[in-house]
Amino acid sequence: MSSLDTGIPEAALRRLVDALRERGETVAAAESLTAGLVCALLTTVSGSSAVLRGGLVVYATDLKAELAGVDRALLAEHGAVHPDVAGALATGARERCGADWGLGLTGVAGPDGQDGQPPGTVFVAVAGPNGAPATVRGEQIAGGRHEVRSAAARACFSLLAGQIGVPFE
């Protein structure tokens, strides 16, 4: 299994990239537990340079604040694994990278828990171009680190696809 072997269908990624390109919209990501996997997967699609503005790998908690603009008080109160942090990451990615859409991912890949959250806890978020609060989805994912990270990427892509009205799967 290669590092990008996530089980996410190439056709689904292609539909997502094509839809964004047809809409003339761009996307950026602030990734914690996925550490760049979302951006790496998007760039497997030919033509993704027309839609992917960039990404922030904010694995360390302090970088969530410094690079993505997550409120330090939020991080101090709830820790890095929280739905509001995912929403702030998505907004930060959109704003900091100058994209129409921002994606935020945080969670615990395991094997140990973090911030009082058990392994497999994942929060993904999408912040849209209208400036409305980010849409956040939480999931509890079974499996090892690779399965949790892959499922988090899939959940984030699915959430974005739903926001722009294209099927993902």
C-alpha atoms as a PDB file:
ATOM      1  CA  MET A   1       0.000   0.000   0.000  1.00  0.00           C
ATOM      2  CA  SER A   2       1.466   3.364  -0.985  1.00  0.00           C
ATOM      3  CA  SER A   3       1.222   6.364   1.305  1.00  0.00           C
ATOM      4  CA  LEU A   4      -1.487   7.859  -0.927  1.00  0.00           C
ATOM      5  CA  ASP A   5      -3.466   4.610  -1.098  1.00  0.00           C
ATOM      6  CA  THR A   6      -6.439   5.950   0.809  1.00  0.00           C
ATOM      7  CA  GLY A   7      -9.263   4.186  -0.981  1.00  0.00           C
ATOM      8  CA  ILE A   8     -10.618   7.540  -2.148  1.00  0.00           C
ATOM      9  CA  PRO A   9     -11.745   7.053  -5.756  1.00  0.00           C
ATOM     10  CA  GLU A  10      -9.730   9.018  -8.291  1.00  0.00           C
ATOM     11  CA  ALA A  11     -12.969   9.750 -10.168  1.00  0.00           C
ATOM     12  CA  ALA A  12     -14.425  11.408  -7.057  1.00  0.00           C
ATOM     13  CA  LEU A  13     -11.394  13.667  -6.704  1.00  0.00           C
ATOM     14  CA  ARG A  14     -11.605  14.460 -10.423  1.00  0.00           C
ATOM     15  CA  ARG A  15     -15.290  15.480 -10.097  1.00  0.00           C
ATOM     16  CA  LEU A  16     -14.425  17.744  -7.175  1.00  0.00           C
ATOM     17  CA  VAL A  17     -11.532  19.448  -8.992  1.00  0.00           C
ATOM     18  CA  ASP A  18     -13.553  19.768 -12.212  1.00  0.00           C
ATOM     19  CA  ALA A  19     -16.511  21.292 -10.358  1.00  0.00           C
ATOM     20  CA  LEU A  20     -14.324  23.869  -8.652  1.00  0.00           C
ATOM     21  CA  ARG A  21     -12.616  24.718 -11.951  1.00  0.00           C
ATOM     22  CA  GLU A  22     -15.974  25.105 -13.742  1.00  0.00           C
ATOM     23  CA  ARG A  23     -17.159  27.416 -10.959  1.00  0.00           C
ATOM     24  CA  GLY A  24     -13.926  29.423 -11.151  1.00  0.00           C
ATOM     25  CA  GLU A  25     -13.281  28.761  -7.457  1.00  0.00           C
ATOM     26  CA  THR A  26     -10.222  27.841  -5.448  1.00  0.00           C
ATOM     27  CA  VAL A  27      -9.534  25.856  -2.292  1.00  0.00           C
ATOM     28  CA  ALA A  28      -6.909  25.783   0.456  1.00  0.00           C
ATOM     29  CA  ALA A  29      -6.458  23.573   3.500  1.00  0.00           C
ATOM     30  CA  ALA A  30      -5.154  23.842   7.053  1.00  0.00           C
ATOM     31  CA  GLU A  31      -4.310  20.294   8.047  1.00  0.00           C
ATOM     32  CA  SER A  32      -3.366  18.971  11.438  1.00  0.00           C
ATOM     33  CA  LEU A  33      -3.808  15.189  11.726  1.00  0.00           C
ATOM     34  CA  THR A  34      -3.651  14.700   7.936  1.00  0.00           C
ATOM     35  CA  ALA A  35      -0.370  16.679   7.683  1.00  0.00           C
ATOM     36  CA  GLY A  36      -0.754  17.594   4.013  1.00  0.00           C
ATOM     37  CA  LEU A  37      -2.589  14.481   2.810  1.00  0.00           C
ATOM     38  CA  VAL A  38      -5.617  16.462   1.557  1.00  0.00           C
ATOM     39  CA  CYS A  39      -3.468  18.734  -0.605  1.00  0.00           C
ATOM     40  CA  ALA A  40      -1.381  15.789  -1.784  1.00  0.00           C
ATOM     41  CA  LEU A  41      -4.522  13.924  -2.857  1.00  0.00           C
ATOM     42  CA  LEU A  42      -5.909  16.937  -4.714  1.00  0.00           C
ATOM     43  CA  THR A  43      -2.664  17.260  -6.649  1.00  0.00           C
ATOM     44  CA  THR A  44      -2.964  13.703  -7.960  1.00  0.00           C
ATOM     45  CA  VAL A  45      -5.614  15.128 -10.307  1.00  0.00           C
ATOM     46  CA  SER A  46      -4.300  16.678 -13.494  1.00  0.00           C
ATOM     47  CA  GLY A  47      -5.353  20.318 -13.648  1.00  0.00           C
ATOM     48  CA  SER A  48      -5.593  20.730  -9.870  1.00  0.00           C
ATOM     49  CA  SER A  49      -3.225  23.707 -10.072  1.00  0.00           C
ATOM     50  CA  ALA A  50      -6.185  25.728 -11.343  1.00  0.00           C
ATOM     51  CA  VAL A  51      -8.048  25.237  -8.055  1.00  0.00           C
ATOM     52  CA  LEU A  52      -5.603  24.442  -5.239  1.00  0.00           C
ATOM     53  CA  ARG A  53      -4.156  27.642  -3.771  1.00  0.00           C
ATOM     54  CA  GLY A  54      -2.093  25.901  -1.107  1.00  0.00           C
ATOM     55  CA  GLY A  55      -2.114  24.471   2.334  1.00  0.00           C
ATOM     56  CA  LEU A  56      -0.885  24.888   5.859  1.00  0.00           C
ATOM     57  CA  VAL A  57       0.449  21.896   7.748  1.00  0.00           C
ATOM     58  CA  VAL A  58      -0.215  22.875  11.343  1.00  0.00           C
ATOM     59  CA  TYR A  59       0.611  19.690  13.174  1.00  0.00           C
ATOM     60  CA  ALA A  60       1.927  21.513  16.242  1.00  0.00           C
ATOM     61  CA  THR A  61      -0.695  23.286  18.338  1.00  0.00           C
ATOM     62  CA  ASP A  62       1.159  26.612  18.405  1.00  0.00           C
ATOM     63  CA  LEU A  63       1.262  26.681  14.604  1.00  0.00           C
ATOM     64  CA  LYS A  64      -2.521  26.463  14.460  1.00  0.00           C
ATOM     65  CA  ALA A  65      -2.525  29.941  15.991  1.00  0.00           C
ATOM     66  CA  GLU A  66       0.585  31.325  14.303  1.00  0.00           C
ATOM     67  CA  LEU A  67      -0.059  30.130  10.747  1.00  0.00           C
ATOM     68  CA  ALA A  68      -3.814  29.550  10.553  1.00  0.00           C
ATOM     69  CA  GLY A  69      -4.973  32.245  12.948  1.00  0.00           C
ATOM     70  CA  VAL A  70      -6.797  29.968  15.383  1.00  0.00           C
ATOM     71  CA  ASP A  71      -7.577  31.906  18.563  1.00  0.00           C
ATOM     72  CA  ARG A  72      -5.057  31.020  21.269  1.00  0.00           C
ATOM     73  CA  ALA A  73      -7.774  31.230  23.943  1.00  0.00           C
ATOM     74  CA  LEU A  74      -9.809  28.605  22.060  1.00  0.00           C
ATOM     75  CA  LEU A  75      -6.784  26.311  21.910  1.00  0.00           C
ATOM     76  CA  ALA A  76      -6.027  26.887  25.605  1.00  0.00           C
ATOM     77  CA  GLU A  77      -9.606  26.192  26.669  1.00  0.00           C
ATOM     78  CA  HIS A  78     -10.446  23.194  24.460  1.00  0.00           C
ATOM     79  CA  GLY A  79      -7.175  21.902  23.043  1.00  0.00           C
ATOM     80  CA  ALA A  80      -6.393  21.286  19.399  1.00  0.00           C
ATOM     81  CA  VAL A  81      -8.997  18.551  18.868  1.00  0.00           C
ATOM     82  CA  HIS A  82     -12.302  20.402  18.941  1.00  0.00           C
ATOM     83  CA  PRO A  83     -15.009  21.268  16.382  1.00  0.00           C
ATOM     84  CA  ASP A  84     -14.426  25.015  16.787  1.00  0.00           C
ATOM     85  CA  VAL A  85     -10.732  24.504  16.043  1.00  0.00           C
ATOM     86  CA  ALA A  86     -11.621  22.689  12.804  1.00  0.00           C
ATOM     87  CA  GLY A  87     -13.869  25.597  11.827  1.00  0.00           C
ATOM     88  CA  ALA A  88     -11.167  28.134  12.643  1.00  0.00           C
ATOM     89  CA  LEU A  89      -8.640  26.133  10.620  1.00  0.00           C
ATOM     90  CA  ALA A  90     -10.958  26.171   7.597  1.00  0.00           C
ATOM     91  CA  THR A  91     -11.520  29.900   7.900  1.00  0.00           C
ATOM     92  CA  GLY A  92      -7.818  30.482   8.411  1.00  0.00           C
ATOM     93  CA  ALA A  93      -6.903  28.443   5.336  1.00  0.00           C
ATOM     94  CA  ARG A  94      -9.405  30.367   3.218  1.00  0.00           C
ATOM     95  CA  GLU A  95      -8.229  33.754   4.459  1.00  0.00           C
ATOM     96  CA  ARG A  96      -4.482  33.130   4.712  1.00  0.00           C
ATOM     97  CA  CYS A  97      -4.233  31.472   1.301  1.00  0.00           C
ATOM     98  CA  GLY A  98      -6.695  33.763  -0.483  1.00  0.00           C
ATOM     99  CA  ALA A  99      -8.986  30.926  -1.564  1.00  0.00           C
ATOM    100  CA  ASP A 100     -12.734  30.770  -2.077  1.00  0.00           C
ATOM    101  CA  TRP A 101     -13.047  27.627   0.047  1.00  0.00           C
ATOM    102  CA  GLY A 102     -11.110  26.645   3.147  1.00  0.00           C
ATOM    103  CA  LEU A 103     -10.756  23.161   4.585  1.00  0.00           C
ATOM    104  CA  GLY A 104      -9.814  22.425   8.185  1.00  0.00           C
ATOM    105  CA  LEU A 105      -8.922  19.073   9.681  1.00  0.00           C
ATOM    106  CA  THR A 106      -8.001  18.170  13.233  1.00  0.00           C
ATOM    107  CA  GLY A 107      -8.207  14.994  15.252  1.00  0.00           C
ATOM    108  CA  VAL A 108      -6.422  12.105  16.880  1.00  0.00           C
ATOM    109  CA  ALA A 109      -4.875   9.460  14.632  1.00  0.00           C
ATOM    110  CA  GLY A 110      -3.688   7.406  17.614  1.00  0.00           C
ATOM    111  CA  PRO A 111      -2.603   5.203  19.116  1.00  0.00           C
ATOM    112  CA  ASP A 112      -2.875   7.511  22.150  1.00  0.00           C
ATOM    113  CA  GLY A 113      -5.563  10.068  22.921  1.00  0.00           C
ATOM    114  CA  GLN A 114      -5.020  13.831  22.878  1.00  0.00           C
ATOM    115  CA  ASP A 115      -6.713  16.735  24.646  1.00  0.00           C
ATOM    116  CA  GLY A 116      -9.097  14.314  26.344  1.00  0.00           C
ATOM    117  CA  GLN A 117     -10.215  12.881  23.008  1.00  0.00           C
ATOM    118  CA  PRO A 118      -9.838   9.174  22.173  1.00  0.00           C
ATOM    119  CA  PRO A 119      -8.005   7.895  19.080  1.00  0.00           C
ATOM    120  CA  GLY A 120     -10.168   8.109  15.976  1.00  0.00           C
ATOM    121  CA  THR A 121     -11.822  11.409  16.943  1.00  0.00           C
ATOM    122  CA  VAL A 122     -11.875  13.638  13.866  1.00  0.00           C
ATOM    123  CA  PHE A 123     -13.311  17.072  13.100  1.00  0.00           C
ATOM    124  CA  VAL A 124     -13.392  18.387   9.529  1.00  0.00           C
ATOM    125  CA  ALA A 125     -14.688  21.744   8.377  1.00  0.00           C
ATOM    126  CA  VAL A 126     -15.403  23.725   5.223  1.00  0.00           C
ATOM    127  CA  ALA A 127     -15.500  27.522   5.120  1.00  0.00           C
ATOM    128  CA  GLY A 128     -17.186  28.896   2.012  1.00  0.00           C
ATOM    129  CA  PRO A 129     -16.788  32.014  -0.042  1.00  0.00           C
ATOM    130  CA  ASN A 130     -19.713  33.867   1.510  1.00  0.00           C
ATOM    131  CA  GLY A 131     -17.994  34.426   4.844  1.00  0.00           C
ATOM    132  CA  ALA A 132     -20.593  32.396   6.771  1.00  0.00           C
ATOM    133  CA  PRO A 133     -19.353  30.309   9.690  1.00  0.00           C
ATOM    134  CA  ALA A 134     -17.656  27.088   8.676  1.00  0.00           C
ATOM    135  CA  THR A 135     -19.648  23.884   8.446  1.00  0.00           C
ATOM    136  CA  VAL A 136     -18.124  21.300  10.787  1.00  0.00           C
ATOM    137  CA  ARG A 137     -18.545  17.541  10.900  1.00  0.00           C
ATOM    138  CA  GLY A 138     -17.309  15.288  13.694  1.00  0.00           C
ATOM    139  CA  GLU A 139     -16.656  11.580  13.331  1.00  0.00           C
ATOM    140  CA  GLN A 140     -15.337   8.690  15.374  1.00  0.00           C
ATOM    141  CA  ILE A 141     -13.270   6.497  13.056  1.00  0.00           C
ATOM    142  CA  ALA A 142     -12.094   2.976  13.841  1.00  0.00           C
ATOM    143  CA  GLY A 143      -8.707   1.720  12.751  1.00  0.00           C
ATOM    144  CA  GLY A 144      -5.061   2.608  12.833  1.00  0.00           C
ATOM    145  CA  ARG A 145      -3.345   5.862  11.939  1.00  0.00           C
ATOM    146  CA  HIS A 146      -3.565   5.310   8.170  1.00  0.00           C
ATOM    147  CA  GLU A 147      -7.268   4.464   8.295  1.00  0.00           C
ATOM    148  CA  VAL A 148      -8.100   7.458  10.512  1.00  0.00           C
ATOM    149  CA  ARG A 149      -6.148   9.905   8.344  1.00  0.00           C
ATOM    150  CA  SER A 150      -7.615   8.484   5.119  1.00  0.00           C
ATOM    151  CA  ALA A 151     -11.165   8.596   6.470  1.00  0.00           C
ATOM    152  CA  ALA A 152     -10.637  12.176   7.675  1.00  0.00           C
ATOM    153  CA  ALA A 153      -9.535  13.242   4.187  1.00  0.00           C
ATOM    154  CA  ARG A 154     -12.533  11.457   2.670  1.00  0.00           C
ATOM    155  CA  ALA A 155     -14.921  13.123   5.133  1.00  0.00           C
ATOM    156  CA  CYS A 156     -13.493  16.544   4.339  1.00  0.00           C
ATOM    157  CA  PHE A 157     -13.784  16.020   0.582  1.00  0.00           C
ATOM    158  CA  SER A 158     -17.334  14.730   1.022  1.00  0.00           C
ATOM    159  CA  LEU A 159     -18.272  17.796   3.061  1.00  0.00           C
ATOM    160  CA  LEU A 160     -16.810  20.134   0.409  1.00  0.00           C
ATOM    161  CA  ALA A 161     -18.555  18.208  -2.380  1.00  0.00           C
ATOM    162  CA  GLY A 162     -21.869  18.598  -0.559  1.00  0.00           C
ATOM    163  CA  GLN A 163     -21.298  22.327  -0.230  1.00  0.00           C
ATOM    164  CA  ILE A 164     -20.717  22.754  -3.957  1.00  0.00           C
ATOM    165  CA  GLY A 165     -23.385  20.263  -5.002  1.00  0.00           C
ATOM    166  CA  VAL A 166     -21.399  17.440  -6.596  1.00  0.00           C
ATOM    167  CA  PRO A 167     -21.465  13.763  -5.704  1.00  0.00           C
ATOM    168  CA  PHE A 168     -18.433  12.366  -3.947  1.00  0.00           C
ATOM    169  CA  GLU A 169     -17.912   8.585  -4.062  1.00  0.00           C
END
